[in-house]
Amino acid sequence: MESEAVVRALSALAQEHRLALFRLLVQAGPDGLAAGAIAEALGVPASSLSFHLAQLNNAGLIAQRRDGRSLIYSADYGAMTALLGFLMENCCGGAVCAPAAPCDTKDKKERTAA
């Protein structure tokens, strides 16, 4: 992945609504969600949603397809995998990395309750 594409992708994700939108699409899976369902789930006005969807689409992080009269959006898992691969390339200077810390369910419950 080229540095320019990485910067564009990270810039697109560096905004609260777009990050929430991308995470929602990741959770929705490859079938994606219609624009109306996204707006309802996030509580974002349609005009703002269109702007955020365009930013993520231009960054190559989501895909758009038409299904009848609806526009369906889905996360581009390949693009996110490439982005994460770029960020983790040369991790730990070639040494074996420490295992990931297990998720602390107490912290997770506190974050979701907030």
PDB file of N, CA and C in Angstrom:
ATOM      1  N   MET A   1       0.864  -1.179   0.000  1.00  0.00           N
ATOM      2  CA  MET A   1       0.000   0.000   0.000  1.00  0.00           C
ATOM      3  C   MET A   1       0.900   1.229   0.000  1.00  0.00           C
ATOM      4  N   GLU A   2       0.557   2.193  -0.796  1.00  0.00           N
ATOM      5  CA  GLU A   2       1.340   3.418  -0.920  1.00  0.00           C
ATOM      6  C   GLU A   2       1.032   4.373   0.229  1.00  0.00           C
ATOM      7  N   SER A   3       2.025   5.145   0.620  1.00  0.00           N
ATOM      8  CA  SER A   3       1.864   6.090   1.734  1.00  0.00           C
ATOM      9  C   SER A   3       0.712   7.059   1.509  1.00  0.00           C
ATOM     10  N   GLU A   4       0.532   7.520   0.286  1.00  0.00           N
ATOM     11  CA  GLU A   4      -0.546   8.472  -0.016  1.00  0.00           C
ATOM     12  C   GLU A   4      -1.918   7.857   0.275  1.00  0.00           C
ATOM     13  N   ALA A   5      -2.110   6.590  -0.092  1.00  0.00           N
ATOM     14  CA  ALA A   5      -3.378   5.905   0.170  1.00  0.00           C
ATOM     15  C   ALA A   5      -3.575   5.692   1.666  1.00  0.00           C
ATOM     16  N   VAL A   6      -2.499   5.414   2.376  1.00  0.00           N
ATOM     17  CA  VAL A   6      -2.576   5.229   3.830  1.00  0.00           C
ATOM     18  C   VAL A   6      -3.010   6.526   4.501  1.00  0.00           C
ATOM     19  N   VAL A   7      -2.409   7.627   4.110  1.00  0.00           N
ATOM     20  CA  VAL A   7      -2.765   8.927   4.693  1.00  0.00           C
ATOM     21  C   VAL A   7      -4.225   9.258   4.393  1.00  0.00           C
ATOM     22  N   ARG A   8      -4.676   8.976   3.174  1.00  0.00           N
ATOM     23  CA  ARG A   8      -6.064   9.253   2.806  1.00  0.00           C
ATOM     24  C   ARG A   8      -7.022   8.405   3.666  1.00  0.00           C
ATOM     25  N   ALA A   9      -6.684   7.129   3.856  1.00  0.00           N
ATOM     26  CA  ALA A   9      -7.540   6.242   4.650  1.00  0.00           C
ATOM     27  C   ALA A   9      -7.568   6.669   6.119  1.00  0.00           C
ATOM     28  N   LEU A  10      -6.408   6.950   6.676  1.00  0.00           N
ATOM     29  CA  LEU A  10      -6.363   7.362   8.081  1.00  0.00           C
ATOM     30  C   LEU A  10      -7.058   8.709   8.278  1.00  0.00           C
ATOM     31  N   SER A  11      -6.921   9.600   7.322  1.00  0.00           N
ATOM     32  CA  SER A  11      -7.603  10.901   7.406  1.00  0.00           C
ATOM     33  C   SER A  11      -9.114  10.716   7.390  1.00  0.00           C
ATOM     34  N   ALA A  12      -9.581   9.794   6.564  1.00  0.00           N
ATOM     35  CA  ALA A  12     -11.024   9.542   6.490  1.00  0.00           C
ATOM     36  C   ALA A  12     -11.548   8.977   7.803  1.00  0.00           C
ATOM     37  N   LEU A  13     -10.758   8.157   8.456  1.00  0.00           N
ATOM     38  CA  LEU A  13     -11.186   7.540   9.717  1.00  0.00           C
ATOM     39  C   LEU A  13     -11.001   8.460  10.926  1.00  0.00           C
ATOM     40  N   ALA A  14     -10.281   9.555  10.743  1.00  0.00           N
ATOM     41  CA  ALA A  14      -9.960  10.451  11.859  1.00  0.00           C
ATOM     42  C   ALA A  14     -11.068  11.469  12.093  1.00  0.00           C
ATOM     43  N   GLN A  15     -12.299  10.996  12.076  1.00  0.00           N
ATOM     44  CA  GLN A  15     -13.461  11.845  12.334  1.00  0.00           C
ATOM     45  C   GLN A  15     -14.501  10.959  13.009  1.00  0.00           C
ATOM     46  N   GLU A  16     -15.104  11.439  14.049  1.00  0.00           N
ATOM     47  CA  GLU A  16     -15.978  10.625  14.904  1.00  0.00           C
ATOM     48  C   GLU A  16     -17.093   9.906  14.142  1.00  0.00           C
ATOM     49  N   HIS A  17     -17.833  10.625  13.301  1.00  0.00           N
ATOM     50  CA  HIS A  17     -18.952  10.002  12.578  1.00  0.00           C
ATOM     51  C   HIS A  17     -18.468   8.982  11.560  1.00  0.00           C
ATOM     52  N   ARG A  18     -17.372   9.308  10.865  1.00  0.00           N
ATOM     53  CA  ARG A  18     -16.864   8.364   9.865  1.00  0.00           C
ATOM     54  C   ARG A  18     -16.303   7.106  10.514  1.00  0.00           C
ATOM     55  N   LEU A  19     -15.653   7.256  11.645  1.00  0.00           N
ATOM     56  CA  LEU A  19     -15.143   6.089  12.356  1.00  0.00           C
ATOM     57  C   LEU A  19     -16.308   5.204  12.809  1.00  0.00           C
ATOM     58  N   ALA A  20     -17.337   5.802  13.375  1.00  0.00           N
ATOM     59  CA  ALA A  20     -18.525   5.043  13.798  1.00  0.00           C
ATOM     60  C   ALA A  20     -19.195   4.384  12.595  1.00  0.00           C
ATOM     61  N   LEU A  21     -19.261   5.087  11.499  1.00  0.00           N
ATOM     62  CA  LEU A  21     -19.855   4.562  10.270  1.00  0.00           C
ATOM     63  C   LEU A  21     -19.080   3.357   9.761  1.00  0.00           C
ATOM     64  N   PHE A  22     -17.769   3.480   9.712  1.00  0.00           N
ATOM     65  CA  PHE A  22     -16.959   2.366   9.231  1.00  0.00           C
ATOM     66  C   PHE A  22     -17.107   1.161  10.155  1.00  0.00           C
ATOM     67  N   ARG A  23     -17.083   1.387  11.451  1.00  0.00           N
ATOM     68  CA  ARG A  23     -17.236   0.282  12.412  1.00  0.00           C
ATOM     69  C   ARG A  23     -18.602  -0.381  12.268  1.00  0.00           C
ATOM     70  N   LEU A  24     -19.635   0.404  12.023  1.00  0.00           N
ATOM     71  CA  LEU A  24     -20.977  -0.146  11.798  1.00  0.00           C
ATOM     72  C   LEU A  24     -20.982  -1.047  10.561  1.00  0.00           C
ATOM     73  N   LEU A  25     -20.330  -0.595   9.496  1.00  0.00           N
ATOM     74  CA  LEU A  25     -20.287  -1.401   8.272  1.00  0.00           C
ATOM     75  C   LEU A  25     -19.463  -2.670   8.454  1.00  0.00           C
ATOM     76  N   VAL A  26     -18.405  -2.597   9.246  1.00  0.00           N
ATOM     77  CA  VAL A  26     -17.619  -3.795   9.546  1.00  0.00           C
ATOM     78  C   VAL A  26     -18.506  -4.803  10.268  1.00  0.00           C
ATOM     79  N   GLN A  27     -19.298  -4.335  11.226  1.00  0.00           N
ATOM     80  CA  GLN A  27     -20.188  -5.215  11.980  1.00  0.00           C
ATOM     81  C   GLN A  27     -21.289  -5.796  11.095  1.00  0.00           C
ATOM     82  N   ALA A  28     -21.713  -5.035  10.098  1.00  0.00           N
ATOM     83  CA  ALA A  28     -22.798  -5.486   9.222  1.00  0.00           C
ATOM     84  C   ALA A  28     -22.370  -6.633   8.326  1.00  0.00           C
ATOM     85  N   GLY A  29     -21.080  -6.774   8.100  1.00  0.00           N
ATOM     86  CA  GLY A  29     -20.594  -7.861   7.258  1.00  0.00           C
ATOM     87  C   GLY A  29     -20.650  -7.514   5.777  1.00  0.00           C
ATOM     88  N   PRO A  30     -20.353  -8.479   4.932  1.00  0.00           N
ATOM     89  CA  PRO A  30     -20.248  -8.215   3.496  1.00  0.00           C
ATOM     90  C   PRO A  30     -21.559  -7.798   2.822  1.00  0.00           C
ATOM     91  N   ASP A  31     -22.704  -8.108   3.443  1.00  0.00           N
ATOM     92  CA  ASP A  31     -23.982  -7.695   2.849  1.00  0.00           C
ATOM     93  C   ASP A  31     -24.181  -6.191   2.939  1.00  0.00           C
ATOM     94  N   GLY A  32     -23.542  -5.556   3.913  1.00  0.00           N
ATOM     95  CA  GLY A  32     -23.620  -4.111   4.054  1.00  0.00           C
ATOM     96  C   GLY A  32     -24.964  -3.637   4.559  1.00  0.00           C
ATOM     97  N   LEU A  33     -25.157  -2.324   4.465  1.00  0.00           N
ATOM     98  CA  LEU A  33     -26.389  -1.680   4.928  1.00  0.00           C
ATOM     99  C   LEU A  33     -26.830  -0.618   3.935  1.00  0.00           C
ATOM    100  N   ALA A  34     -28.128  -0.412   3.874  1.00  0.00           N
ATOM    101  CA  ALA A  34     -28.679   0.672   3.058  1.00  0.00           C
ATOM    102  C   ALA A  34     -28.393   2.000   3.748  1.00  0.00           C
ATOM    103  N   ALA A  35     -28.292   3.046   2.957  1.00  0.00           N
ATOM    104  CA  ALA A  35     -27.987   4.374   3.496  1.00  0.00           C
ATOM    105  C   ALA A  35     -28.992   4.780   4.568  1.00  0.00           C
ATOM    106  N   GLY A  36     -30.271   4.491   4.378  1.00  0.00           N
ATOM    107  CA  GLY A  36     -31.284   4.843   5.360  1.00  0.00           C
ATOM    108  C   GLY A  36     -31.076   4.137   6.688  1.00  0.00           C
ATOM    109  N   ALA A  37     -30.684   2.873   6.635  1.00  0.00           N
ATOM    110  CA  ALA A  37     -30.435   2.112   7.861  1.00  0.00           C
ATOM    111  C   ALA A  37     -29.212   2.664   8.594  1.00  0.00           C
ATOM    112  N   ILE A  38     -28.218   3.101   7.829  1.00  0.00           N
ATOM    113  CA  ILE A  38     -27.020   3.691   8.434  1.00  0.00           C
ATOM    114  C   ILE A  38     -27.382   4.993   9.131  1.00  0.00           C
ATOM    115  N   ALA A  39     -28.133   5.851   8.444  1.00  0.00           N
ATOM    116  CA  ALA A  39     -28.536   7.140   9.021  1.00  0.00           C
ATOM    117  C   ALA A  39     -29.323   6.933  10.306  1.00  0.00           C
ATOM    118  N   GLU A  40     -30.222   5.960  10.307  1.00  0.00           N
ATOM    119  CA  GLU A  40     -31.032   5.681  11.488  1.00  0.00           C
ATOM    120  C   GLU A  40     -30.173   5.150  12.639  1.00  0.00           C
ATOM    121  N   ALA A  41     -29.269   4.235  12.322  1.00  0.00           N
ATOM    122  CA  ALA A  41     -28.426   3.634  13.357  1.00  0.00           C
ATOM    123  C   ALA A  41     -27.490   4.653  14.000  1.00  0.00           C
ATOM    124  N   LEU A  42     -26.995   5.586  13.201  1.00  0.00           N
ATOM    125  CA  LEU A  42     -26.027   6.564  13.703  1.00  0.00           C
ATOM    126  C   LEU A  42     -26.661   7.880  14.135  1.00  0.00           C
ATOM    127  N   GLY A  43     -27.926   8.093  13.761  1.00  0.00           N
ATOM    128  CA  GLY A  43     -28.582   9.351  14.098  1.00  0.00           C
ATOM    129  C   GLY A  43     -27.960  10.543  13.386  1.00  0.00           C
ATOM    130  N   VAL A  44     -27.521  10.315  12.153  1.00  0.00           N
ATOM    131  CA  VAL A  44     -26.869  11.359  11.363  1.00  0.00           C
ATOM    132  C   VAL A  44     -27.823  11.797  10.253  1.00  0.00           C
ATOM    133  N   PRO A  45     -27.999  13.097  10.026  1.00  0.00           N
ATOM    134  CA  PRO A  45     -28.862  13.564   8.929  1.00  0.00           C
ATOM    135  C   PRO A  45     -28.352  13.061   7.578  1.00  0.00           C
ATOM    136  N   ALA A  46     -29.271  12.845   6.651  1.00  0.00           N
ATOM    137  CA  ALA A  46     -28.925  12.299   5.337  1.00  0.00           C
ATOM    138  C   ALA A  46     -27.867  13.126   4.615  1.00  0.00           C
ATOM    139  N   SER A  47     -27.954  14.448   4.717  1.00  0.00           N
ATOM    140  CA  SER A  47     -26.980  15.292   4.016  1.00  0.00           C
ATOM    141  C   SER A  47     -25.571  15.089   4.581  1.00  0.00           C
ATOM    142  N   SER A  48     -25.461  14.993   5.891  1.00  0.00           N
ATOM    143  CA  SER A  48     -24.154  14.742   6.509  1.00  0.00           C
ATOM    144  C   SER A  48     -23.669  13.337   6.197  1.00  0.00           C
ATOM    145  N   LEU A  49     -24.584  12.381   6.215  1.00  0.00           N
ATOM    146  CA  LEU A  49     -24.216  10.997   5.939  1.00  0.00           C
ATOM    147  C   LEU A  49     -23.629  10.867   4.538  1.00  0.00           C
ATOM    148  N   SER A  50     -24.231  11.527   3.571  1.00  0.00           N
ATOM    149  CA  SER A  50     -23.721  11.476   2.192  1.00  0.00           C
ATOM    150  C   SER A  50     -22.280  11.954   2.129  1.00  0.00           C
ATOM    151  N   PHE A  51     -21.980  13.020   2.833  1.00  0.00           N
ATOM    152  CA  PHE A  51     -20.621  13.553   2.852  1.00  0.00           C
ATOM    153  C   PHE A  51     -19.655  12.536   3.456  1.00  0.00           C
ATOM    154  N   HIS A  52     -20.037  11.946   4.595  1.00  0.00           N
ATOM    155  CA  HIS A  52     -19.162  10.984   5.268  1.00  0.00           C
ATOM    156  C   HIS A  52     -18.976   9.719   4.435  1.00  0.00           C
ATOM    157  N   LEU A  53     -20.042   9.257   3.803  1.00  0.00           N
ATOM    158  CA  LEU A  53     -19.930   8.083   2.929  1.00  0.00           C
ATOM    159  C   LEU A  53     -18.991   8.372   1.759  1.00  0.00           C
ATOM    160  N   ALA A  54     -19.082   9.552   1.200  1.00  0.00           N
ATOM    161  CA  ALA A  54     -18.208   9.922   0.073  1.00  0.00           C
ATOM    162  C   ALA A  54     -16.745   9.954   0.512  1.00  0.00           C
ATOM    163  N   GLN A  55     -16.494  10.469   1.703  1.00  0.00           N
ATOM    164  CA  GLN A  55     -15.116  10.519   2.197  1.00  0.00           C
ATOM    165  C   GLN A  55     -14.537   9.114   2.360  1.00  0.00           C
ATOM    166  N   LEU A  56     -15.299   8.208   2.947  1.00  0.00           N
ATOM    167  CA  LEU A  56     -14.838   6.832   3.130  1.00  0.00           C
ATOM    168  C   LEU A  56     -14.704   6.108   1.803  1.00  0.00           C
ATOM    169  N   ASN A  57     -15.619   6.389   0.890  1.00  0.00           N
ATOM    170  CA  ASN A  57     -15.556   5.775  -0.442  1.00  0.00           C
ATOM    171  C   ASN A  57     -14.333   6.270  -1.207  1.00  0.00           C
ATOM    172  N   ASN A  58     -14.068   7.569  -1.155  1.00  0.00           N
ATOM    173  CA  ASN A  58     -12.901   8.139  -1.839  1.00  0.00           C
ATOM    174  C   ASN A  58     -11.595   7.620  -1.250  1.00  0.00           C
ATOM    175  N   ALA A  59     -11.610   7.272   0.033  1.00  0.00           N
ATOM    176  CA  ALA A  59     -10.425   6.717   0.681  1.00  0.00           C
ATOM    177  C   ALA A  59     -10.268   5.229   0.386  1.00  0.00           C
ATOM    178  N   GLY A  60     -11.261   4.640  -0.279  1.00  0.00           N
ATOM    179  CA  GLY A  60     -11.190   3.232  -0.639  1.00  0.00           C
ATOM    180  C   GLY A  60     -11.522   2.280   0.488  1.00  0.00           C
ATOM    181  N   LEU A  61     -12.156   2.777   1.538  1.00  0.00           N
ATOM    182  CA  LEU A  61     -12.460   1.936   2.697  1.00  0.00           C
ATOM    183  C   LEU A  61     -13.829   1.276   2.643  1.00  0.00           C
ATOM    184  N   ILE A  62     -14.718   1.800   1.800  1.00  0.00           N
ATOM    185  CA  ILE A  62     -16.040   1.201   1.658  1.00  0.00           C
ATOM    186  C   ILE A  62     -16.378   1.066   0.184  1.00  0.00           C
ATOM    187  N   ALA A  63     -17.339   0.199  -0.077  1.00  0.00           N
ATOM    188  CA  ALA A  63     -17.840   0.008  -1.438  1.00  0.00           C
ATOM    189  C   ALA A  63     -19.321   0.377  -1.454  1.00  0.00           C
ATOM    190  N   GLN A  64     -19.793   0.756  -2.618  1.00  0.00           N
ATOM    191  CA  GLN A  64     -21.192   1.144  -2.794  1.00  0.00           C
ATOM    192  C   GLN A  64     -21.759   0.339  -3.951  1.00  0.00           C
ATOM    193  N   ARG A  65     -22.976  -0.149  -3.772  1.00  0.00           N
ATOM    194  CA  ARG A  65     -23.658  -0.839  -4.878  1.00  0.00           C
ATOM    195  C   ARG A  65     -25.139  -0.482  -4.835  1.00  0.00           C
ATOM    196  N   ARG A  66     -25.779  -0.601  -5.965  1.00  0.00           N
ATOM    197  CA  ARG A  66     -27.209  -0.311  -6.046  1.00  0.00           C
ATOM    198  C   ARG A  66     -27.975  -1.622  -5.960  1.00  0.00           C
ATOM    199  N   ASP A  67     -29.029  -1.602  -5.161  1.00  0.00           N
ATOM    200  CA  ASP A  67     -29.939  -2.735  -5.049  1.00  0.00           C
ATOM    201  C   ASP A  67     -31.338  -2.172  -5.221  1.00  0.00           C
ATOM    202  N   GLY A  68     -31.842  -2.235  -6.438  1.00  0.00           N
ATOM    203  CA  GLY A  68     -33.130  -1.604  -6.738  1.00  0.00           C
ATOM    204  C   GLY A  68     -32.989  -0.102  -6.610  1.00  0.00           C
ATOM    205  N   ARG A  69     -33.757   0.478  -5.714  1.00  0.00           N
ATOM    206  CA  ARG A  69     -33.705   1.927  -5.511  1.00  0.00           C
ATOM    207  C   ARG A  69     -32.780   2.319  -4.365  1.00  0.00           C
ATOM    208  N   SER A  70     -32.220   1.341  -3.695  1.00  0.00           N
ATOM    209  CA  SER A  70     -31.375   1.619  -2.526  1.00  0.00           C
ATOM    210  C   SER A  70     -29.894   1.571  -2.872  1.00  0.00           C
ATOM    211  N   LEU A  71     -29.125   2.401  -2.190  1.00  0.00           N
ATOM    212  CA  LEU A  71     -27.676   2.307  -2.245  1.00  0.00           C
ATOM    213  C   LEU A  71     -27.240   1.535  -1.011  1.00  0.00           C
ATOM    214  N   ILE A  72     -26.454   0.494  -1.247  1.00  0.00           N
ATOM    215  CA  ILE A  72     -25.973  -0.363  -0.171  1.00  0.00           C
ATOM    216  C   ILE A  72     -24.478  -0.120  -0.015  1.00  0.00           C
ATOM    217  N   TYR A  73     -24.051   0.073   1.216  1.00  0.00           N
ATOM    218  CA  TYR A  73     -22.644   0.333   1.511  1.00  0.00           C
ATOM    219  C   TYR A  73     -22.093  -0.810   2.348  1.00  0.00           C
ATOM    220  N   SER A  74     -20.866  -1.180   2.054  1.00  0.00           N
ATOM    221  CA  SER A  74     -20.204  -2.233   2.828  1.00  0.00           C
ATOM    222  C   SER A  74     -18.740  -1.877   3.008  1.00  0.00           C
ATOM    223  N   ALA A  75     -18.170  -2.395   4.089  1.00  0.00           N
ATOM    224  CA  ALA A  75     -16.748  -2.172   4.357  1.00  0.00           C
ATOM    225  C   ALA A  75     -15.928  -2.941   3.330  1.00  0.00           C
ATOM    226  N   ASP A  76     -14.826  -2.357   2.914  1.00  0.00           N
ATOM    227  CA  ASP A  76     -13.880  -3.045   2.025  1.00  0.00           C
ATOM    228  C   ASP A  76     -12.828  -3.693   2.924  1.00  0.00           C
ATOM    229  N   TYR A  77     -13.042  -4.962   3.223  1.00  0.00           N
ATOM    230  CA  TYR A  77     -12.162  -5.672   4.146  1.00  0.00           C
ATOM    231  C   TYR A  77     -10.749  -5.796   3.598  1.00  0.00           C
ATOM    232  N   GLY A  78     -10.612  -5.919   2.306  1.00  0.00           N
ATOM    233  CA  GLY A  78      -9.286  -5.994   1.697  1.00  0.00           C
ATOM    234  C   GLY A  78      -8.498  -4.714   1.915  1.00  0.00           C
ATOM    235  N   ALA A  79      -9.166  -3.578   1.768  1.00  0.00           N
ATOM    236  CA  ALA A  79      -8.503  -2.288   1.974  1.00  0.00           C
ATOM    237  C   ALA A  79      -8.089  -2.127   3.435  1.00  0.00           C
ATOM    238  N   MET A  80      -8.951  -2.532   4.357  1.00  0.00           N
ATOM    239  CA  MET A  80      -8.602  -2.403   5.775  1.00  0.00           C
ATOM    240  C   MET A  80      -7.472  -3.362   6.136  1.00  0.00           C
ATOM    241  N   THR A  81      -7.489  -4.554   5.570  1.00  0.00           N
ATOM    242  CA  THR A  81      -6.403  -5.502   5.821  1.00  0.00           C
ATOM    243  C   THR A  81      -5.084  -4.946   5.300  1.00  0.00           C
ATOM    244  N   ALA A  82      -5.115  -4.328   4.125  1.00  0.00           N
ATOM    245  CA  ALA A  82      -3.902  -3.722   3.564  1.00  0.00           C
ATOM    246  C   ALA A  82      -3.418  -2.572   4.436  1.00  0.00           C
ATOM    247  N   LEU A  83      -4.343  -1.760   4.938  1.00  0.00           N
ATOM    248  CA  LEU A  83      -3.976  -0.639   5.816  1.00  0.00           C
ATOM    249  C   LEU A  83      -3.326  -1.163   7.097  1.00  0.00           C
ATOM    250  N   LEU A  84      -3.947  -2.154   7.712  1.00  0.00           N
ATOM    251  CA  LEU A  84      -3.373  -2.722   8.942  1.00  0.00           C
ATOM    252  C   LEU A  84      -2.028  -3.384   8.662  1.00  0.00           C
ATOM    253  N   GLY A  85      -1.901  -4.030   7.518  1.00  0.00           N
ATOM    254  CA  GLY A  85      -0.629  -4.639   7.141  1.00  0.00           C
ATOM    255  C   GLY A  85       0.461  -3.595   6.999  1.00  0.00           C
ATOM    256  N   PHE A  86       0.129  -2.472   6.375  1.00  0.00           N
ATOM    257  CA  PHE A  86       1.088  -1.383   6.225  1.00  0.00           C
ATOM    258  C   PHE A  86       1.521  -0.858   7.588  1.00  0.00           C
ATOM    259  N   LEU A  87       0.545  -0.656   8.481  1.00  0.00           N
ATOM    260  CA  LEU A  87       0.859  -0.121   9.804  1.00  0.00           C
ATOM    261  C   LEU A  87       1.694  -1.095  10.633  1.00  0.00           C
ATOM    262  N   MET A  88       1.495  -2.367  10.438  1.00  0.00           N
ATOM    263  CA  MET A  88       2.187  -3.374  11.246  1.00  0.00           C
ATOM    264  C   MET A  88       3.448  -3.915  10.564  1.00  0.00           C
ATOM    265  N   GLU A  89       3.710  -3.476   9.356  1.00  0.00           N
ATOM    266  CA  GLU A  89       4.899  -3.926   8.643  1.00  0.00           C
ATOM    267  C   GLU A  89       6.140  -3.604   9.489  1.00  0.00           C
ATOM    268  N   ASN A  90       7.049  -4.526   9.532  1.00  0.00           N
ATOM    269  CA  ASN A  90       8.280  -4.369  10.304  1.00  0.00           C
ATOM    270  C   ASN A  90       8.010  -4.217  11.802  1.00  0.00           C
ATOM    271  N   CYS A  91       6.920  -4.757  12.252  1.00  0.00           N
ATOM    272  CA  CYS A  91       6.556  -4.692  13.668  1.00  0.00           C
ATOM    273  C   CYS A  91       7.669  -5.272  14.529  1.00  0.00           C
ATOM    274  N   CYS A  92       7.955  -4.610  15.594  1.00  0.00           N
ATOM    275  CA  CYS A  92       8.942  -5.044  16.596  1.00  0.00           C
ATOM    276  C   CYS A  92      10.339  -5.217  16.002  1.00  0.00           C
ATOM    277  N   GLY A  93      10.639  -4.508  14.935  1.00  0.00           N
ATOM    278  CA  GLY A  93      11.972  -4.554  14.340  1.00  0.00           C
ATOM    279  C   GLY A  93      12.395  -5.945  13.908  1.00  0.00           C
ATOM    280  N   GLY A  94      11.431  -6.775  13.530  1.00  0.00           N
ATOM    281  CA  GLY A  94      11.745  -8.121  13.075  1.00  0.00           C
ATOM    282  C   GLY A  94      11.794  -9.143  14.189  1.00  0.00           C
ATOM    283  N   ALA A  95      11.761  -8.695  15.435  1.00  0.00           N
ATOM    284  CA  ALA A  95      11.766  -9.626  16.566  1.00  0.00           C
ATOM    285  C   ALA A  95      10.367 -10.186  16.760  1.00  0.00           C
ATOM    286  N   VAL A  96      10.280 -11.294  17.461  1.00  0.00           N
ATOM    287  CA  VAL A  96       8.971 -11.861  17.772  1.00  0.00           C
ATOM    288  C   VAL A  96       8.247 -10.891  18.695  1.00  0.00           C
ATOM    289  N   CYS A  97       7.031 -10.555  18.328  1.00  0.00           N
ATOM    290  CA  CYS A  97       6.245  -9.601  19.127  1.00  0.00           C
ATOM    291  C   CYS A  97       5.661 -10.287  20.350  1.00  0.00           C
ATOM    292  N   ALA A  98       5.470  -9.487  21.381  1.00  0.00           N
ATOM    293  CA  ALA A  98       4.816  -9.990  22.584  1.00  0.00           C
ATOM    294  C   ALA A  98       3.377 -10.341  22.239  1.00  0.00           C
ATOM    295  N   PRO A  99       2.825 -11.363  22.863  1.00  0.00           N
ATOM    296  CA  PRO A  99       1.424 -11.704  22.579  1.00  0.00           C
ATOM    297  C   PRO A  99       0.509 -10.553  22.985  1.00  0.00           C
ATOM    298  N   ALA A 100      -0.585 -10.434  22.269  1.00  0.00           N
ATOM    299  CA  ALA A 100      -1.561  -9.384  22.568  1.00  0.00           C
ATOM    300  C   ALA A 100      -2.150  -9.610  23.948  1.00  0.00           C
ATOM    301  N   ALA A 101      -2.397  -8.527  24.636  1.00  0.00           N
ATOM    302  CA  ALA A 101      -3.012  -8.610  25.966  1.00  0.00           C
ATOM    303  C   ALA A 101      -4.453  -9.071  25.810  1.00  0.00           C
ATOM    304  N   PRO A 102      -4.916  -9.953  26.690  1.00  0.00           N
ATOM    305  CA  PRO A 102      -6.309 -10.390  26.597  1.00  0.00           C
ATOM    306  C   PRO A 102      -7.239  -9.218  26.881  1.00  0.00           C
ATOM    307  N   CYS A 103      -8.405  -9.278  26.290  1.00  0.00           N
ATOM    308  CA  CYS A 103      -9.398  -8.222  26.513  1.00  0.00           C
ATOM    309  C   CYS A 103      -9.861  -8.277  27.962  1.00  0.00           C
ATOM    310  N   ASP A 104      -9.951  -7.136  28.551  1.00  0.00           N
ATOM    311  CA  ASP A 104     -10.449  -7.039  29.912  1.00  0.00           C
ATOM    312  C   ASP A 104     -11.936  -6.731  29.825  1.00  0.00           C
ATOM    313  N   THR A 105     -12.786  -7.701  30.151  1.00  0.00           N
ATOM    314  CA  THR A 105     -14.225  -7.520  30.000  1.00  0.00           C
ATOM    315  C   THR A 105     -14.750  -6.406  30.894  1.00  0.00           C
ATOM    316  N   LYS A 106     -14.126  -6.175  32.040  1.00  0.00           N
ATOM    317  CA  LYS A 106     -14.566  -5.087  32.919  1.00  0.00           C
ATOM    318  C   LYS A 106     -14.387  -3.754  32.208  1.00  0.00           C
ATOM    319  N   ASP A 107     -13.209  -3.534  31.580  1.00  0.00           N
ATOM    320  CA  ASP A 107     -12.975  -2.282  30.852  1.00  0.00           C
ATOM    321  C   ASP A 107     -13.960  -2.138  29.709  1.00  0.00           C
ATOM    322  N   LYS A 108     -14.229  -3.232  29.012  1.00  0.00           N
ATOM    323  CA  LYS A 108     -15.152  -3.175  27.886  1.00  0.00           C
ATOM    324  C   LYS A 108     -16.551  -2.798  28.360  1.00  0.00           C
ATOM    325  N   LYS A 109     -16.997  -3.375  29.469  1.00  0.00           N
ATOM    326  CA  LYS A 109     -18.326  -3.049  30.001  1.00  0.00           C
ATOM    327  C   LYS A 109     -18.405  -1.593  30.412  1.00  0.00           C
ATOM    328  N   GLU A 110     -17.330  -1.063  31.002  1.00  0.00           N
ATOM    329  CA  GLU A 110     -17.329   0.341  31.425  1.00  0.00           C
ATOM    330  C   GLU A 110     -17.377   1.268  30.216  1.00  0.00           C
ATOM    331  N   ARG A 111     -16.661   0.894  29.125  1.00  0.00           N
ATOM    332  CA  ARG A 111     -16.666   1.737  27.922  1.00  0.00           C
ATOM    333  C   ARG A 111     -18.036   1.748  27.272  1.00  0.00           C
ATOM    334  N   THR A 112     -18.706   0.592  27.206  1.00  0.00           N
ATOM    335  CA  THR A 112     -20.011   0.544  26.564  1.00  0.00           C
ATOM    336  C   THR A 112     -21.098   1.181  27.404  1.00  0.00           C
ATOM    337  N   ALA A 113     -20.907   1.221  28.719  1.00  0.00           N
ATOM    338  CA  ALA A 113     -21.896   1.840  29.594  1.00  0.00           C
ATOM    339  C   ALA A 113     -21.812   3.357  29.546  1.00  0.00           C
ATOM    340  N   ALA A 114     -20.651   3.887  29.166  1.00  0.00           N
ATOM    341  CA  ALA A 114     -20.448   5.344  29.146  1.00  0.00           C
ATOM    342  C   ALA A 114     -21.162   6.000  28.008  1.00  0.00           C
TER     343      ALA A 114
END
